[in-house]
Amino acid sequence: MKPIRKIDFLGKRKIAFLFSGTLFLISIISFVINGLNLGIDFTGGSVYELHYAQSVDLDRMRTTLEQQGFPDANLQHFGTSQDVLIRLKPIADMDQEQLTQTILSVANSSQAQPGEMRRVEFVGPQVGEELFNDGGLALLLSFIGVMIYVSMRFEWKLSVGAIAALFHDTIITMGFFSVFGWEFDMTVLSAILALVGYSINDTIVVYDRIRETVRSSRQGSMFEIANNALNDTLSRTILTSLTVFLTLLALAFLGGKTIHGFAIAMLIGVIKGTYSSIYIASSLALTLGLTRQDLTLKEKDVSVDELP
């Protein structure tokens, strides 16, 4: 059955490869030059949430903190202009209780009316390093698990395309955080892990459709079959991705600072995951020389003695 749509996705694969290659290269260069702006989850440090009755002048508070010996303090509004989130790197020569009182005193001195400390979080450098290592290990194991799964389920050319698309989505999503200097914390890493499953699921749906078409029809080239499979699954892809995208959009704007990084990482990943399923995974498999024979069920030889 021919698809209703006839969009020539694979006809634009060279442009897609160039676009993706450029983003991938920019991401790698940014990793080398800028690295990732790791949050205190990984580096260790303190987080203070302060509430004021009036709007807070962040520039004045930042200047005051710098003058009092906290030049690395990171300040931002938390939900409203009356709430402030202060992040500090570990300070060795001051205990936590003393540091908390000092930060509150200095912050209040910069404002017309004093505020109150609502939340204090502290992560030690050693704990942060362990979290970073454990997070990296979790990401590596997820990749290995996916690689084993796709290698057992699909022919090697399809498997290479799926894994390449997975690396493409992960590296470029992390690249956005490196290029723009967004904070990379545990919530963002959680989003990256979720994207591994989301991205490979979309690719598998397309691959299954390609394989079914090859086994049910003897007409058409692999290029036409892959294009038709992409068109056949387009409705499902759009509905799934759009539903997830709208939910994440709401989280990004209304969910607050706590899950903002998670929502942004997922938004980028969903877009790249949908894109890579169409333009990277399938296109790369065809570029590697995918043929009908690769996807055709191998018939078992039947001996004369086994005939009825």
C-alpha atoms as a PDB file:
ATOM      1  CA  MET A   1       0.000   0.000   0.000  1.00  0.00           C
ATOM      2  CA  LYS A   2       1.501   3.308  -1.066  1.00  0.00           C
ATOM      3  CA  PRO A   3       1.778   6.076   1.520  1.00  0.00           C
ATOM      4  CA  ILE A   4      -0.512   9.071   1.185  1.00  0.00           C
ATOM      5  CA  ARG A   5       2.427  11.429   1.608  1.00  0.00           C
ATOM      6  CA  LYS A   6       5.298  11.510  -0.828  1.00  0.00           C
ATOM      7  CA  ILE A   7       7.884  13.628   0.965  1.00  0.00           C
ATOM      8  CA  ASP A   8      11.378  13.024  -0.344  1.00  0.00           C
ATOM      9  CA  PHE A   9      13.144  12.879   3.021  1.00  0.00           C
ATOM     10  CA  LEU A  10      16.187  10.959   1.855  1.00  0.00           C
ATOM     11  CA  GLY A  11      16.682  13.218  -1.148  1.00  0.00           C
ATOM     12  CA  LYS A  12      17.925  15.848   1.310  1.00  0.00           C
ATOM     13  CA  ARG A  13      20.249  13.492   3.197  1.00  0.00           C
ATOM     14  CA  LYS A  14      23.466  15.183   2.010  1.00  0.00           C
ATOM     15  CA  ILE A  15      22.254  18.545   3.304  1.00  0.00           C
ATOM     16  CA  ALA A  16      21.196  16.840   6.549  1.00  0.00           C
ATOM     17  CA  PHE A  17      24.625  15.197   6.917  1.00  0.00           C
ATOM     18  CA  LEU A  18      26.315  18.578   6.392  1.00  0.00           C
ATOM     19  CA  PHE A  19      24.016  20.280   8.924  1.00  0.00           C
ATOM     20  CA  SER A  20      24.462  17.558  11.533  1.00  0.00           C
ATOM     21  CA  GLY A  21      28.197  17.364  10.957  1.00  0.00           C
ATOM     22  CA  THR A  22      28.500  21.103  11.514  1.00  0.00           C
ATOM     23  CA  LEU A  23      26.544  20.972  14.795  1.00  0.00           C
ATOM     24  CA  PHE A  24      28.529  17.929  15.920  1.00  0.00           C
ATOM     25  CA  LEU A  25      31.846  19.663  15.174  1.00  0.00           C
ATOM     26  CA  ILE A  26      30.767  22.845  16.974  1.00  0.00           C
ATOM     27  CA  SER A  27      29.784  20.744  19.998  1.00  0.00           C
ATOM     28  CA  ILE A  28      33.136  18.939  20.119  1.00  0.00           C
ATOM     29  CA  ILE A  29      35.086  22.195  19.771  1.00  0.00           C
ATOM     30  CA  SER A  30      33.006  23.765  22.541  1.00  0.00           C
ATOM     31  CA  PHE A  31      33.665  20.768  24.820  1.00  0.00           C
ATOM     32  CA  VAL A  32      37.410  21.267  24.313  1.00  0.00           C
ATOM     33  CA  ILE A  33      37.369  25.062  24.741  1.00  0.00           C
ATOM     34  CA  ASN A  34      34.509  25.710  27.172  1.00  0.00           C
ATOM     35  CA  GLY A  35      33.771  22.333  28.701  1.00  0.00           C
ATOM     36  CA  LEU A  36      30.480  21.956  30.572  1.00  0.00           C
ATOM     37  CA  ASN A  37      29.244  24.419  33.173  1.00  0.00           C
ATOM     38  CA  LEU A  38      28.849  21.779  35.873  1.00  0.00           C
ATOM     39  CA  GLY A  39      26.379  22.484  38.665  1.00  0.00           C
ATOM     40  CA  ILE A  40      27.124  21.992  42.337  1.00  0.00           C
ATOM     41  CA  ASP A  41      25.704  18.469  42.044  1.00  0.00           C
ATOM     42  CA  PHE A  42      29.013  17.587  40.358  1.00  0.00           C
ATOM     43  CA  THR A  43      31.482  20.221  41.590  1.00  0.00           C
ATOM     44  CA  GLY A  44      30.286  20.579  45.169  1.00  0.00           C
ATOM     45  CA  GLY A  45      29.230  23.838  46.778  1.00  0.00           C
ATOM     46  CA  SER A  46      26.264  25.581  48.381  1.00  0.00           C
ATOM     47  CA  VAL A  47      22.852  26.778  47.224  1.00  0.00           C
ATOM     48  CA  TYR A  48      20.855  29.402  49.132  1.00  0.00           C
ATOM     49  CA  GLU A  49      17.277  30.431  48.435  1.00  0.00           C
ATOM     50  CA  LEU A  50      16.286  33.832  49.865  1.00  0.00           C
ATOM     51  CA  HIS A  51      12.879  35.530  49.864  1.00  0.00           C
ATOM     52  CA  TYR A  52      12.251  39.269  50.089  1.00  0.00           C
ATOM     53  CA  ALA A  53       9.115  41.344  50.447  1.00  0.00           C
ATOM     54  CA  GLN A  54      10.214  43.575  47.561  1.00  0.00           C
ATOM     55  CA  SER A  55      11.802  43.017  44.164  1.00  0.00           C
ATOM     56  CA  VAL A  56      15.504  42.231  44.434  1.00  0.00           C
ATOM     57  CA  ASP A  57      18.199  44.170  42.601  1.00  0.00           C
ATOM     58  CA  LEU A  58      20.501  41.340  41.542  1.00  0.00           C
ATOM     59  CA  ASP A  59      23.258  43.637  40.260  1.00  0.00           C
ATOM     60  CA  ARG A  60      23.521  45.418  43.601  1.00  0.00           C
ATOM     61  CA  MET A  61      23.490  42.133  45.541  1.00  0.00           C
ATOM     62  CA  ARG A  62      26.117  40.644  43.236  1.00  0.00           C
ATOM     63  CA  THR A  63      28.380  43.681  43.639  1.00  0.00           C
ATOM     64  CA  THR A  64      28.036  43.557  47.421  1.00  0.00           C
ATOM     65  CA  LEU A  65      28.902  39.845  47.519  1.00  0.00           C
ATOM     66  CA  GLU A  66      31.972  40.459  45.338  1.00  0.00           C
ATOM     67  CA  GLN A  67      33.157  43.245  47.640  1.00  0.00           C
ATOM     68  CA  GLN A  68      32.751  40.966  50.687  1.00  0.00           C
ATOM     69  CA  GLY A  69      34.904  38.204  49.253  1.00  0.00           C
ATOM     70  CA  PHE A  70      32.455  36.119  47.162  1.00  0.00           C
ATOM     71  CA  PRO A  71      33.440  36.948  43.537  1.00  0.00           C
ATOM     72  CA  ASP A  72      32.294  33.563  42.201  1.00  0.00           C
ATOM     73  CA  ALA A  73      28.740  33.841  43.544  1.00  0.00           C
ATOM     74  CA  ASN A  74      26.122  32.979  40.933  1.00  0.00           C
ATOM     75  CA  LEU A  75      22.826  34.832  41.403  1.00  0.00           C
ATOM     76  CA  GLN A  76      19.464  34.524  39.678  1.00  0.00           C
ATOM     77  CA  HIS A  77      15.803  35.067  40.342  1.00  0.00           C
ATOM     78  CA  PHE A  78      13.969  31.940  41.421  1.00  0.00           C
ATOM     79  CA  GLY A  79      10.396  31.985  40.123  1.00  0.00           C
ATOM     80  CA  THR A  80       9.674  35.646  40.997  1.00  0.00           C
ATOM     81  CA  SER A  81      11.713  38.843  41.287  1.00  0.00           C
ATOM     82  CA  GLN A  82      11.332  38.593  45.081  1.00  0.00           C
ATOM     83  CA  ASP A  83      13.107  35.239  45.315  1.00  0.00           C
ATOM     84  CA  VAL A  84      16.833  34.834  44.773  1.00  0.00           C
ATOM     85  CA  LEU A  85      18.969  31.738  44.280  1.00  0.00           C
ATOM     86  CA  ILE A  86      22.654  32.080  45.234  1.00  0.00           C
ATOM     87  CA  ARG A  87      25.188  29.415  44.258  1.00  0.00           C
ATOM     88  CA  LEU A  88      28.683  29.266  45.717  1.00  0.00           C
ATOM     89  CA  LYS A  89      31.659  27.024  45.074  1.00  0.00           C
ATOM     90  CA  PRO A  90      33.151  25.198  48.084  1.00  0.00           C
ATOM     91  CA  ILE A  91      34.909  27.457  50.610  1.00  0.00           C
ATOM     92  CA  ALA A  92      37.452  25.532  52.680  1.00  0.00           C
ATOM     93  CA  ASP A  93      38.131  27.924  55.560  1.00  0.00           C
ATOM     94  CA  MET A  94      34.515  28.445  56.699  1.00  0.00           C
ATOM     95  CA  ASP A  95      32.025  25.964  58.153  1.00  0.00           C
ATOM     96  CA  GLN A  96      28.572  25.664  56.658  1.00  0.00           C
ATOM     97  CA  GLU A  97      26.617  27.352  59.452  1.00  0.00           C
ATOM     98  CA  GLN A  98      28.954  30.331  59.542  1.00  0.00           C
ATOM     99  CA  LEU A  99      28.878  30.615  55.743  1.00  0.00           C
ATOM    100  CA  THR A 100      25.077  30.581  55.713  1.00  0.00           C
ATOM    101  CA  GLN A 101      24.867  33.421  58.251  1.00  0.00           C
ATOM    102  CA  THR A 102      27.480  35.424  56.363  1.00  0.00           C
ATOM    103  CA  ILE A 103      25.688  35.059  53.023  1.00  0.00           C
ATOM    104  CA  LEU A 104      22.355  36.085  54.558  1.00  0.00           C
ATOM    105  CA  SER A 105      23.918  39.112  56.235  1.00  0.00           C
ATOM    106  CA  VAL A 106      25.771  40.288  53.116  1.00  0.00           C
ATOM    107  CA  ALA A 107      22.758  39.739  50.854  1.00  0.00           C
ATOM    108  CA  ASN A 108      20.442  41.652  53.205  1.00  0.00           C
ATOM    109  CA  SER A 109      22.895  44.560  53.430  1.00  0.00           C
ATOM    110  CA  SER A 110      22.443  45.160  49.700  1.00  0.00           C
ATOM    111  CA  GLN A 111      18.662  45.525  49.876  1.00  0.00           C
ATOM    112  CA  ALA A 112      16.305  48.103  51.389  1.00  0.00           C
ATOM    113  CA  GLN A 113      14.575  45.514  53.581  1.00  0.00           C
ATOM    114  CA  PRO A 114      16.053  42.250  54.904  1.00  0.00           C
ATOM    115  CA  GLY A 115      14.895  38.901  53.588  1.00  0.00           C
ATOM    116  CA  GLU A 116      14.706  35.401  54.977  1.00  0.00           C
ATOM    117  CA  MET A 117      16.630  32.242  54.195  1.00  0.00           C
ATOM    118  CA  ARG A 118      14.203  29.601  52.920  1.00  0.00           C
ATOM    119  CA  ARG A 119      16.472  26.820  51.767  1.00  0.00           C
ATOM    120  CA  VAL A 120      20.090  25.754  52.115  1.00  0.00           C
ATOM    121  CA  GLU A 121      21.731  22.905  50.216  1.00  0.00           C
ATOM    122  CA  PHE A 122      25.304  21.766  50.484  1.00  0.00           C
ATOM    123  CA  VAL A 123      27.223  19.179  48.432  1.00  0.00           C
ATOM    124  CA  GLY A 124      30.783  18.258  49.322  1.00  0.00           C
ATOM    125  CA  PRO A 125      33.447  18.140  46.568  1.00  0.00           C
ATOM    126  CA  GLN A 126      33.995  14.399  47.046  1.00  0.00           C
ATOM    127  CA  VAL A 127      30.269  13.657  46.823  1.00  0.00           C
ATOM    128  CA  GLY A 128      30.011  15.830  43.715  1.00  0.00           C
ATOM    129  CA  GLU A 129      32.877  13.949  42.061  1.00  0.00           C
ATOM    130  CA  GLU A 130      31.245  10.611  42.870  1.00  0.00           C
ATOM    131  CA  LEU A 131      27.941  11.794  41.410  1.00  0.00           C
ATOM    132  CA  PHE A 132      29.706  12.920  38.234  1.00  0.00           C
ATOM    133  CA  ASN A 133      31.514   9.595  37.843  1.00  0.00           C
ATOM    134  CA  ASP A 134      28.372   7.575  38.584  1.00  0.00           C
ATOM    135  CA  GLY A 135      26.368   9.670  36.117  1.00  0.00           C
ATOM    136  CA  GLY A 136      28.960   9.147  33.399  1.00  0.00           C
ATOM    137  CA  LEU A 137      28.985   5.414  34.104  1.00  0.00           C
ATOM    138  CA  ALA A 138      25.184   5.285  33.888  1.00  0.00           C
ATOM    139  CA  LEU A 139      25.292   7.027  30.511  1.00  0.00           C
ATOM    140  CA  LEU A 140      27.979   4.642  29.252  1.00  0.00           C
ATOM    141  CA  LEU A 141      26.059   1.565  30.402  1.00  0.00           C
ATOM    142  CA  SER A 142      22.873   2.824  28.743  1.00  0.00           C
ATOM    143  CA  PHE A 143      24.757   3.180  25.453  1.00  0.00           C
ATOM    144  CA  ILE A 144      26.210  -0.314  25.785  1.00  0.00           C
ATOM    145  CA  GLY A 145      22.770  -1.758  26.537  1.00  0.00           C
ATOM    146  CA  VAL A 146      21.234  -0.076  23.507  1.00  0.00           C
ATOM    147  CA  MET A 147      24.123  -1.208  21.303  1.00  0.00           C
ATOM    148  CA  ILE A 148      23.635  -4.822  22.376  1.00  0.00           C
ATOM    149  CA  TYR A 149      19.879  -4.609  21.797  1.00  0.00           C
ATOM    150  CA  VAL A 150      20.003  -3.116  18.289  1.00  0.00           C
ATOM    151  CA  SER A 151      22.846  -5.431  17.214  1.00  0.00           C
ATOM    152  CA  MET A 152      20.711  -8.456  18.171  1.00  0.00           C
ATOM    153  CA  ARG A 153      17.518  -7.128  16.595  1.00  0.00           C
ATOM    154  CA  PHE A 154      18.751  -5.570  13.339  1.00  0.00           C
ATOM    155  CA  GLU A 155      21.243  -6.168  10.568  1.00  0.00           C
ATOM    156  CA  TRP A 156      24.603  -4.478  11.268  1.00  0.00           C
ATOM    157  CA  LYS A 157      24.099  -1.625   8.800  1.00  0.00           C
ATOM    158  CA  LEU A 158      20.880  -0.636  10.524  1.00  0.00           C
ATOM    159  CA  SER A 159      22.560  -1.042  13.911  1.00  0.00           C
ATOM    160  CA  VAL A 160      25.371   1.322  12.939  1.00  0.00           C
ATOM    161  CA  GLY A 161      22.813   3.888  11.762  1.00  0.00           C
ATOM    162  CA  ALA A 162      20.889   3.640  15.043  1.00  0.00           C
ATOM    163  CA  ILE A 163      23.982   3.999  17.227  1.00  0.00           C
ATOM    164  CA  ALA A 164      25.279   6.908  15.127  1.00  0.00           C
ATOM    165  CA  ALA A 165      21.923   8.671  15.534  1.00  0.00           C
ATOM    166  CA  LEU A 166      22.101   8.076  19.288  1.00  0.00           C
ATOM    167  CA  PHE A 167      25.570   9.615  19.560  1.00  0.00           C
ATOM    168  CA  HIS A 168      24.415  12.455  17.319  1.00  0.00           C
ATOM    169  CA  ASP A 169      21.483  13.320  19.602  1.00  0.00           C
ATOM    170  CA  THR A 170      23.440  13.030  22.849  1.00  0.00           C
ATOM    171  CA  ILE A 171      26.543  14.979  21.795  1.00  0.00           C
ATOM    172  CA  ILE A 172      24.591  17.813  20.148  1.00  0.00           C
ATOM    173  CA  THR A 173      22.175  18.149  23.081  1.00  0.00           C
ATOM    174  CA  MET A 174      25.105  18.397  25.483  1.00  0.00           C
ATOM    175  CA  GLY A 175      26.793  20.720  22.990  1.00  0.00           C
ATOM    176  CA  PHE A 176      24.008  23.291  23.421  1.00  0.00           C
ATOM    177  CA  PHE A 177      24.742  23.383  27.156  1.00  0.00           C
ATOM    178  CA  SER A 178      28.458  23.818  26.475  1.00  0.00           C
ATOM    179  CA  VAL A 179      28.087  26.515  23.807  1.00  0.00           C
ATOM    180  CA  PHE A 180      25.599  28.643  25.756  1.00  0.00           C
ATOM    181  CA  GLY A 181      27.115  27.972  29.172  1.00  0.00           C
ATOM    182  CA  TRP A 182      23.918  26.552  30.654  1.00  0.00           C
ATOM    183  CA  GLU A 183      24.305  24.736  33.948  1.00  0.00           C
ATOM    184  CA  PHE A 184      24.739  20.984  33.579  1.00  0.00           C
ATOM    185  CA  ASP A 185      23.483  19.222  36.707  1.00  0.00           C
ATOM    186  CA  MET A 186      21.877  15.927  37.704  1.00  0.00           C
ATOM    187  CA  THR A 187      18.488  16.887  36.235  1.00  0.00           C
ATOM    188  CA  VAL A 188      20.104  17.538  32.844  1.00  0.00           C
ATOM    189  CA  LEU A 189      21.976  14.238  33.009  1.00  0.00           C
ATOM    190  CA  SER A 190      18.656  12.532  33.810  1.00  0.00           C
ATOM    191  CA  ALA A 191      17.207  14.121  30.675  1.00  0.00           C
ATOM    192  CA  ILE A 192      20.129  12.834  28.577  1.00  0.00           C
ATOM    193  CA  LEU A 193      19.522   9.310  29.889  1.00  0.00           C
ATOM    194  CA  ALA A 194      15.810   9.619  29.067  1.00  0.00           C
ATOM    195  CA  LEU A 195      16.686  10.801  25.561  1.00  0.00           C
ATOM    196  CA  VAL A 196      18.710   7.649  24.924  1.00  0.00           C
ATOM    197  CA  GLY A 197      15.520   5.603  25.231  1.00  0.00           C
ATOM    198  CA  TYR A 198      13.337   8.127  23.398  1.00  0.00           C
ATOM    199  CA  SER A 199      15.682   8.476  20.436  1.00  0.00           C
ATOM    200  CA  ILE A 200      16.253   4.755  19.891  1.00  0.00           C
ATOM    201  CA  ASN A 201      12.524   4.026  20.170  1.00  0.00           C
ATOM    202  CA  ASP A 202      11.712   6.400  17.306  1.00  0.00           C
ATOM    203  CA  THR A 203      14.464   4.867  15.165  1.00  0.00           C
ATOM    204  CA  ILE A 204      13.257   1.316  15.828  1.00  0.00           C
ATOM    205  CA  VAL A 205       9.732   2.197  14.661  1.00  0.00           C
ATOM    206  CA  VAL A 206      11.127   3.398  11.319  1.00  0.00           C
ATOM    207  CA  TYR A 207      13.448   0.386  10.979  1.00  0.00           C
ATOM    208  CA  ASP A 208      10.611  -2.056  11.649  1.00  0.00           C
ATOM    209  CA  ARG A 209       8.528  -0.395   8.949  1.00  0.00           C
ATOM    210  CA  ILE A 210      11.398  -0.634   6.458  1.00  0.00           C
ATOM    211  CA  ARG A 211      11.886  -4.326   7.205  1.00  0.00           C
ATOM    212  CA  GLU A 212       8.153  -5.096   6.966  1.00  0.00           C
ATOM    213  CA  THR A 213       7.915  -3.328   3.603  1.00  0.00           C
ATOM    214  CA  VAL A 214      10.893  -5.243   2.201  1.00  0.00           C
ATOM    215  CA  ARG A 215       9.457  -8.595   3.268  1.00  0.00           C
ATOM    216  CA  SER A 216       5.945  -7.875   2.013  1.00  0.00           C
ATOM    217  CA  SER A 217       6.825  -6.347  -1.357  1.00  0.00           C
ATOM    218  CA  ARG A 218       9.297  -7.206  -4.103  1.00  0.00           C
ATOM    219  CA  GLN A 219       8.941  -3.870  -5.859  1.00  0.00           C
ATOM    220  CA  GLY A 220      10.903  -0.658  -5.428  1.00  0.00           C
ATOM    221  CA  SER A 221      14.486   0.150  -4.583  1.00  0.00           C
ATOM    222  CA  MET A 222      15.763   0.391  -1.019  1.00  0.00           C
ATOM    223  CA  PHE A 223      15.795   4.172  -1.397  1.00  0.00           C
ATOM    224  CA  GLU A 224      12.077   4.183  -2.286  1.00  0.00           C
ATOM    225  CA  ILE A 225      11.207   1.669   0.438  1.00  0.00           C
ATOM    226  CA  ALA A 226      12.993   3.703   3.124  1.00  0.00           C
ATOM    227  CA  ASN A 227      11.346   6.917   1.945  1.00  0.00           C
ATOM    228  CA  ASN A 228       7.920   5.254   1.997  1.00  0.00           C
ATOM    229  CA  ALA A 229       8.574   3.884   5.492  1.00  0.00           C
ATOM    230  CA  LEU A 230       9.419   7.374   6.733  1.00  0.00           C
ATOM    231  CA  ASN A 231       6.222   8.714   5.190  1.00  0.00           C
ATOM    232  CA  ASP A 232       4.150   5.865   6.654  1.00  0.00           C
ATOM    233  CA  THR A 233       5.411   6.512  10.179  1.00  0.00           C
ATOM    234  CA  LEU A 234       5.301  10.303   9.893  1.00  0.00           C
ATOM    235  CA  SER A 235       1.870  10.671  11.525  1.00  0.00           C
ATOM    236  CA  ARG A 236       2.922   8.585  14.493  1.00  0.00           C
ATOM    237  CA  THR A 237       6.211  10.490  14.779  1.00  0.00           C
ATOM    238  CA  ILE A 238       4.549  13.903  14.646  1.00  0.00           C
ATOM    239  CA  LEU A 239       1.827  13.023  17.156  1.00  0.00           C
ATOM    240  CA  THR A 240       4.270  11.485  19.635  1.00  0.00           C
ATOM    241  CA  SER A 241       6.890  14.205  19.339  1.00  0.00           C
ATOM    242  CA  LEU A 242       4.357  17.051  19.396  1.00  0.00           C
ATOM    243  CA  THR A 243       2.663  15.702  22.520  1.00  0.00           C
ATOM    244  CA  VAL A 244       5.980  15.359  24.339  1.00  0.00           C
ATOM    245  CA  PHE A 245       7.167  18.738  23.035  1.00  0.00           C
ATOM    246  CA  LEU A 246       4.109  20.625  24.301  1.00  0.00           C
ATOM    247  CA  THR A 247       4.400  18.989  27.722  1.00  0.00           C
ATOM    248  CA  LEU A 248       8.081  19.901  27.966  1.00  0.00           C
ATOM    249  CA  LEU A 249       7.344  23.436  26.792  1.00  0.00           C
ATOM    250  CA  ALA A 250       4.943  23.862  29.694  1.00  0.00           C
ATOM    251  CA  LEU A 251       7.556  22.487  32.106  1.00  0.00           C
ATOM    252  CA  ALA A 252      10.227  24.813  30.739  1.00  0.00           C
ATOM    253  CA  PHE A 253       8.131  27.965  31.247  1.00  0.00           C
ATOM    254  CA  LEU A 254       5.996  27.012  34.238  1.00  0.00           C
ATOM    255  CA  GLY A 255       7.874  24.254  36.042  1.00  0.00           C
ATOM    256  CA  GLY A 256      10.296  26.509  37.880  1.00  0.00           C
ATOM    257  CA  LYS A 257      14.063  26.569  38.115  1.00  0.00           C
ATOM    258  CA  THR A 258      14.357  23.106  39.655  1.00  0.00           C
ATOM    259  CA  ILE A 259      13.407  21.261  36.467  1.00  0.00           C
ATOM    260  CA  HIS A 260      14.183  23.998  33.943  1.00  0.00           C
ATOM    261  CA  GLY A 261      17.426  22.364  32.829  1.00  0.00           C
ATOM    262  CA  PHE A 262      15.704  18.996  32.488  1.00  0.00           C
ATOM    263  CA  ALA A 263      12.933  20.487  30.331  1.00  0.00           C
ATOM    264  CA  ILE A 264      15.364  22.381  28.073  1.00  0.00           C
ATOM    265  CA  ALA A 265      17.552  19.300  27.538  1.00  0.00           C
ATOM    266  CA  MET A 266      14.496  17.199  26.719  1.00  0.00           C
ATOM    267  CA  LEU A 267      13.137  19.834  24.320  1.00  0.00           C
ATOM    268  CA  ILE A 268      16.396  19.897  22.366  1.00  0.00           C
ATOM    269  CA  GLY A 269      16.674  16.111  22.518  1.00  0.00           C
ATOM    270  CA  VAL A 270      13.140  15.468  21.279  1.00  0.00           C
ATOM    271  CA  ILE A 271      13.709  17.727  18.274  1.00  0.00           C
ATOM    272  CA  LYS A 272      17.074  16.145  17.504  1.00  0.00           C
ATOM    273  CA  GLY A 273      15.763  12.622  18.155  1.00  0.00           C
ATOM    274  CA  THR A 274      12.907  13.052  15.690  1.00  0.00           C
ATOM    275  CA  TYR A 275      15.250  14.630  13.155  1.00  0.00           C
ATOM    276  CA  SER A 276      17.909  11.924  13.505  1.00  0.00           C
ATOM    277  CA  SER A 277      15.418   9.078  13.079  1.00  0.00           C
ATOM    278  CA  ILE A 278      14.542  10.502   9.688  1.00  0.00           C
ATOM    279  CA  TYR A 279      17.759  12.008   8.381  1.00  0.00           C
ATOM    280  CA  ILE A 280      20.583  10.185  10.205  1.00  0.00           C
ATOM    281  CA  ALA A 281      19.688   6.598  11.112  1.00  0.00           C
ATOM    282  CA  SER A 282      17.951   5.580   7.873  1.00  0.00           C
ATOM    283  CA  SER A 283      20.172   7.676   5.599  1.00  0.00           C
ATOM    284  CA  LEU A 284      23.361   6.267   7.090  1.00  0.00           C
ATOM    285  CA  ALA A 285      22.141   2.678   6.730  1.00  0.00           C
ATOM    286  CA  LEU A 286      21.484   3.292   3.022  1.00  0.00           C
ATOM    287  CA  THR A 287      24.864   4.991   2.637  1.00  0.00           C
ATOM    288  CA  LEU A 288      26.478   1.843   4.078  1.00  0.00           C
ATOM    289  CA  GLY A 289      24.845  -0.164   1.289  1.00  0.00           C
ATOM    290  CA  LEU A 290      21.706  -1.633   2.857  1.00  0.00           C
ATOM    291  CA  THR A 291      20.077  -4.109   0.445  1.00  0.00           C
ATOM    292  CA  ARG A 292      16.937  -6.222   0.253  1.00  0.00           C
ATOM    293  CA  GLN A 293      18.970  -9.318   0.997  1.00  0.00           C
ATOM    294  CA  ASP A 294      20.058  -7.821   4.331  1.00  0.00           C
ATOM    295  CA  LEU A 295      16.425  -7.630   5.472  1.00  0.00           C
ATOM    296  CA  THR A 296      15.001 -10.740   3.822  1.00  0.00           C
ATOM    297  CA  LEU A 297      14.313 -13.747   6.047  1.00  0.00           C
ATOM    298  CA  LYS A 298      16.789 -16.503   5.357  1.00  0.00           C
ATOM    299  CA  GLU A 299      15.011 -19.653   4.194  1.00  0.00           C
ATOM    300  CA  LYS A 300      16.088 -22.871   5.875  1.00  0.00           C
ATOM    301  CA  ASP A 301      17.365 -25.637   3.654  1.00  0.00           C
ATOM    302  CA  VAL A 302      15.087 -28.639   3.734  1.00  0.00           C
ATOM    303  CA  SER A 303      16.650 -32.052   3.004  1.00  0.00           C
ATOM    304  CA  VAL A 304      14.910 -34.758   0.944  1.00  0.00           C
ATOM    305  CA  ASP A 305      14.493 -36.948   4.011  1.00  0.00           C
ATOM    306  CA  GLU A 306      12.476 -34.241   5.747  1.00  0.00           C
ATOM    307  CA  LEU A 307       9.928 -33.986   2.922  1.00  0.00           C
ATOM    308  CA  PRO A 308       6.537 -35.649   3.665  1.00  0.00           C
END
